[in-house]
Amino acid sequence: MGIQKSGIIGPFRNKIGPVYGRRHRGQDLILPLPRITTKKATDNQLETRYLFGKLNTFLSTIHSLVNPGFKAFVKNNSPVNAAFSYNYDHALVKVGEEYQFNYPKLVYSRGHVVTPDGAQVSSGNGQVTFTWEHQNQSAYCQYADLASFMVYNPAKDDYLVLHKTVNRRAQSFTLNMPAHHPGDLVHCYMSFASADGKRQGDSWYVGQVVVVG
């Protein structure tokens, strides 16, 4: 792959001879044409493709959390790609013949803003409630820090994402679950960011809970 910033022929798109050009993230790229092969993919190749698709789909679906959460780690790629690279080695585990998410290890945000202390999750009346303990203020731990939340229901493949809903000082947040979720196990995450959104914190796996109607 070549990146053509200037030259006598200038930028181009689509196929020219054995190469083609396109513009990606503000850069003009020259890429070789893909090789066509009749070889059957090996089991390892199929497994890698499956894992790639499964994790990439998960992170892309919650891109509204991943984009700010991994923005600081982008190097000529995207926040979702940066999150993929960070999560790939530990976010999936093989159980029997199937790969499943290692939910406590999934991370959608990284940074220096302090994570919640003593975070817990509970359910009742069709709601899920997050609680966390009081924390003393410091450079990276402010009462004004805003919390974001994610609840994932693997049985329904539903994602509930809430951005910057309450500040750190609130010490609790309750969300109403969809009517068809009671009885399902859900995985719950939260993270803090500075009030101005310029600094992010590590996302935190709070735990799993069965939604009680």
Protein backbone atom coordinates (compact mmCIF):
# COMPACT_ATOMS: atom_id res chain seq x y z
CA MET A 1 0.00 0.00 0.00
CA GLY A 2 1.33 3.44 -0.91
CA ILE A 3 0.17 6.79 0.40
CA GLN A 4 0.49 9.40 -2.32
CA LYS A 5 0.60 12.89 -0.83
CA SER A 6 1.78 14.56 -4.04
CA GLY A 7 3.24 13.64 -7.38
CA ILE A 8 3.08 14.20 -11.08
CA ILE A 9 -0.08 12.20 -11.54
CA GLY A 10 -1.76 13.42 -8.35
CA PRO A 11 -4.45 11.55 -6.40
CA PHE A 12 -6.61 9.00 -8.15
CA ARG A 13 -9.44 6.63 -7.38
CA ASN A 14 -10.59 3.28 -8.71
CA LYS A 15 -8.49 0.87 -10.76
CA ILE A 16 -5.44 1.87 -12.80
CA GLY A 17 -3.53 -1.13 -14.14
CA PRO A 18 -2.57 -3.51 -11.29
CA VAL A 19 -3.46 -1.01 -8.56
CA TYR A 20 -6.41 1.08 -7.45
CA GLY A 21 -6.70 4.31 -5.52
CA ARG A 22 -9.09 5.62 -2.91
CA ARG A 23 -9.22 8.32 -0.27
CA HIS A 24 -9.29 7.21 3.38
CA ARG A 25 -9.10 9.47 6.45
CA GLY A 26 -7.85 12.39 4.43
CA GLN A 27 -5.10 10.43 2.69
CA ASP A 28 -4.82 9.25 -0.91
CA LEU A 29 -4.06 5.53 -0.92
CA ILE A 30 -2.64 3.31 -3.64
CA LEU A 31 -3.40 -0.36 -3.02
CA PRO A 32 -2.73 -3.58 -4.94
CA LEU A 33 -5.67 -5.41 -6.41
CA PRO A 34 -6.85 -8.23 -4.14
CA ARG A 35 -5.53 -11.67 -4.97
CA ILE A 36 -8.12 -14.21 -6.02
CA THR A 37 -7.53 -17.67 -4.60
CA THR A 38 -9.36 -20.94 -5.03
CA LYS A 39 -7.81 -22.46 -1.91
CA LYS A 40 -10.25 -23.47 0.79
CA ALA A 41 -9.81 -21.55 4.04
CA THR A 42 -8.22 -23.55 6.84
CA ASP A 43 -9.98 -24.11 10.15
CA ASN A 44 -7.66 -21.58 11.79
CA GLN A 45 -8.46 -19.00 9.13
CA LEU A 46 -12.19 -19.56 9.53
CA GLU A 47 -11.86 -19.28 13.30
CA THR A 48 -9.91 -16.02 13.01
CA ARG A 49 -12.52 -14.56 10.67
CA TYR A 50 -15.30 -15.55 13.04
CA LEU A 51 -13.57 -13.98 16.05
CA PHE A 52 -12.81 -10.83 14.08
CA GLY A 53 -16.43 -10.46 13.00
CA LYS A 54 -17.88 -11.20 16.44
CA LEU A 55 -15.70 -8.69 18.32
CA ASN A 56 -15.80 -6.05 15.61
CA THR A 57 -19.60 -6.18 15.48
CA PHE A 58 -19.85 -5.77 19.26
CA LEU A 59 -17.51 -2.78 19.36
CA SER A 60 -19.03 -1.16 16.28
CA THR A 61 -22.50 -1.40 17.78
CA ILE A 62 -21.38 0.58 20.84
CA HIS A 63 -19.25 3.01 18.80
CA SER A 64 -20.84 5.95 20.60
CA LEU A 65 -18.96 4.77 23.71
CA VAL A 66 -15.87 3.48 21.94
CA ASN A 67 -15.24 6.61 19.86
CA PRO A 68 -14.58 8.92 22.82
CA GLY A 69 -13.23 6.07 24.94
CA PHE A 70 -10.41 5.12 22.55
CA LYS A 71 -9.93 8.40 20.71
CA ALA A 72 -6.64 9.07 22.51
CA PHE A 73 -5.21 5.77 21.23
CA VAL A 74 -5.90 6.26 17.52
CA LYS A 75 -2.87 6.00 15.22
CA ASN A 76 -3.89 6.21 11.58
CA ASN A 77 -6.88 3.99 12.27
CA SER A 78 -10.19 4.46 14.09
CA PRO A 79 -11.27 4.26 17.74
CA VAL A 80 -13.10 1.01 16.99
CA ASN A 81 -9.93 -0.45 15.47
CA ALA A 82 -7.90 0.69 18.48
CA ALA A 83 -10.45 -0.90 20.81
CA PHE A 84 -10.37 -4.09 18.74
CA SER A 85 -6.59 -4.35 19.05
CA TYR A 86 -6.76 -3.80 22.80
CA ASN A 87 -9.57 -6.33 23.38
CA TYR A 88 -8.72 -9.08 20.91
CA ASP A 89 -6.37 -11.15 23.07
CA HIS A 90 -8.65 -11.45 26.09
CA ALA A 91 -12.23 -10.53 25.19
CA LEU A 92 -13.23 -13.97 23.86
CA VAL A 93 -12.92 -17.39 25.46
CA LYS A 94 -13.66 -20.84 24.11
CA VAL A 95 -16.33 -22.76 26.01
CA GLY A 96 -16.70 -26.24 24.59
CA GLU A 97 -16.88 -25.78 20.84
CA GLU A 98 -18.07 -22.18 20.96
CA TYR A 99 -16.42 -18.83 21.56
CA GLN A 100 -18.11 -16.54 24.04
CA PHE A 101 -17.38 -13.05 25.26
CA ASN A 102 -15.31 -12.77 28.41
CA TYR A 103 -17.59 -10.00 29.64
CA PRO A 104 -15.54 -8.85 32.66
CA LYS A 105 -12.56 -8.29 30.33
CA LEU A 106 -14.37 -6.25 27.64
CA VAL A 107 -13.26 -2.61 27.63
CA TYR A 108 -14.92 0.23 25.70
CA SER A 109 -12.97 3.14 27.22
CA ARG A 110 -9.49 3.83 28.58
CA GLY A 111 -8.03 6.81 30.37
CA HIS A 112 -6.87 8.41 33.59
CA VAL A 113 -10.20 9.51 35.05
CA VAL A 114 -10.70 7.45 38.22
CA THR A 115 -12.99 4.42 38.03
CA PRO A 116 -15.91 4.07 40.50
CA ASP A 117 -15.26 2.58 43.93
CA GLY A 118 -17.52 -0.19 45.23
CA ALA A 119 -19.73 -0.23 42.14
CA GLN A 120 -22.67 -2.64 42.32
CA VAL A 121 -25.74 -3.42 40.25
CA SER A 122 -29.20 -4.67 41.27
CA SER A 123 -32.62 -5.10 39.67
CA GLY A 124 -36.28 -4.75 40.62
CA ASN A 125 -39.54 -3.51 39.10
CA GLY A 126 -38.18 -3.86 35.59
CA GLN A 127 -35.26 -1.57 36.35
CA VAL A 128 -31.51 -1.89 36.75
CA THR A 129 -29.81 0.26 39.38
CA PHE A 130 -26.12 1.13 39.54
CA THR A 131 -24.59 2.33 42.82
CA TRP A 132 -21.07 3.39 43.77
CA GLU A 133 -19.31 4.81 46.80
CA HIS A 134 -18.26 8.34 47.68
CA GLN A 135 -14.77 9.28 46.50
CA ASN A 136 -12.59 12.19 47.56
CA GLN A 137 -11.80 14.70 44.85
CA SER A 138 -8.43 14.79 43.11
CA ALA A 139 -7.05 15.90 39.75
CA TYR A 140 -8.65 12.92 38.00
CA CYS A 141 -11.59 12.38 40.34
CA GLN A 142 -14.10 15.23 40.38
CA TYR A 143 -17.64 15.35 41.71
CA ALA A 144 -18.61 16.82 38.33
CA ASP A 145 -17.30 13.81 36.36
CA LEU A 146 -20.12 12.34 34.28
CA ALA A 147 -21.06 8.67 34.19
CA SER A 148 -21.97 6.63 31.11
CA PHE A 149 -23.59 3.21 31.31
CA MET A 150 -24.03 0.14 29.14
CA VAL A 151 -26.27 -2.86 29.75
CA TYR A 152 -25.96 -5.79 27.35
CA ASN A 153 -28.51 -8.59 27.09
CA PRO A 154 -26.86 -11.51 25.23
CA ALA A 155 -30.10 -13.50 24.99
CA LYS A 156 -31.77 -10.69 23.05
CA ASP A 157 -28.53 -9.20 21.65
CA ASP A 158 -29.76 -5.83 22.93
CA TYR A 159 -27.52 -2.96 23.94
CA LEU A 160 -28.68 -0.15 26.21
CA VAL A 161 -26.25 2.77 26.17
CA LEU A 162 -26.65 5.97 28.17
CA HIS A 163 -24.18 8.83 27.88
CA LYS A 164 -23.11 11.23 30.61
CA THR A 165 -26.30 10.79 32.59
CA VAL A 166 -25.36 11.71 36.17
CA ASN A 167 -22.31 13.06 37.96
CA ARG A 168 -20.00 11.11 40.23
CA ARG A 169 -21.50 12.67 43.35
CA ALA A 170 -24.96 11.16 42.62
CA GLN A 171 -23.65 7.71 43.64
CA SER A 172 -26.56 5.93 41.92
CA PHE A 173 -28.43 5.70 38.65
CA THR A 174 -31.54 3.71 37.70
CA LEU A 175 -32.65 2.88 34.19
CA ASN A 176 -35.86 1.32 32.94
CA MET A 177 -35.36 -1.90 31.04
CA PRO A 178 -37.39 -2.86 27.96
CA ALA A 179 -40.60 -4.74 28.71
CA HIS A 180 -39.30 -7.99 27.17
CA HIS A 181 -36.13 -8.18 29.32
CA PRO A 182 -37.39 -9.45 32.72
CA GLY A 183 -35.95 -12.88 33.46
CA ASP A 184 -32.89 -12.31 31.28
CA LEU A 185 -29.30 -12.08 32.49
CA VAL A 186 -27.63 -8.79 31.57
CA HIS A 187 -24.04 -7.55 31.81
CA CYS A 188 -23.51 -4.07 33.19
CA TYR A 189 -20.73 -1.54 32.63
CA MET A 190 -20.04 2.06 33.55
CA SER A 191 -17.34 4.68 33.07
CA PHE A 192 -16.57 8.24 34.07
CA ALA A 193 -15.38 11.14 31.92
CA SER A 194 -14.53 14.71 32.84
CA ALA A 195 -17.44 17.14 32.65
CA ASP A 196 -15.99 18.78 29.51
CA GLY A 197 -15.47 15.40 27.85
CA LYS A 198 -11.77 15.99 27.27
CA ARG A 199 -10.60 13.22 29.60
CA GLN A 200 -11.89 9.66 29.75
CA GLY A 201 -11.62 6.87 32.30
CA ASP A 202 -11.40 3.09 32.04
CA SER A 203 -14.73 1.38 31.55
CA TRP A 204 -15.65 -0.82 34.49
CA TYR A 205 -17.49 -4.14 34.47
CA VAL A 206 -19.91 -3.70 37.37
CA GLY A 207 -21.33 -7.21 37.16
CA GLN A 208 -24.23 -9.32 35.91
CA VAL A 209 -27.79 -9.39 37.16
CA VAL A 210 -31.09 -11.03 36.22
CA VAL A 211 -33.67 -8.41 35.32
CA VAL A 212 -36.53 -8.63 37.82
CA GLY A 213 -39.91 -7.45 36.57
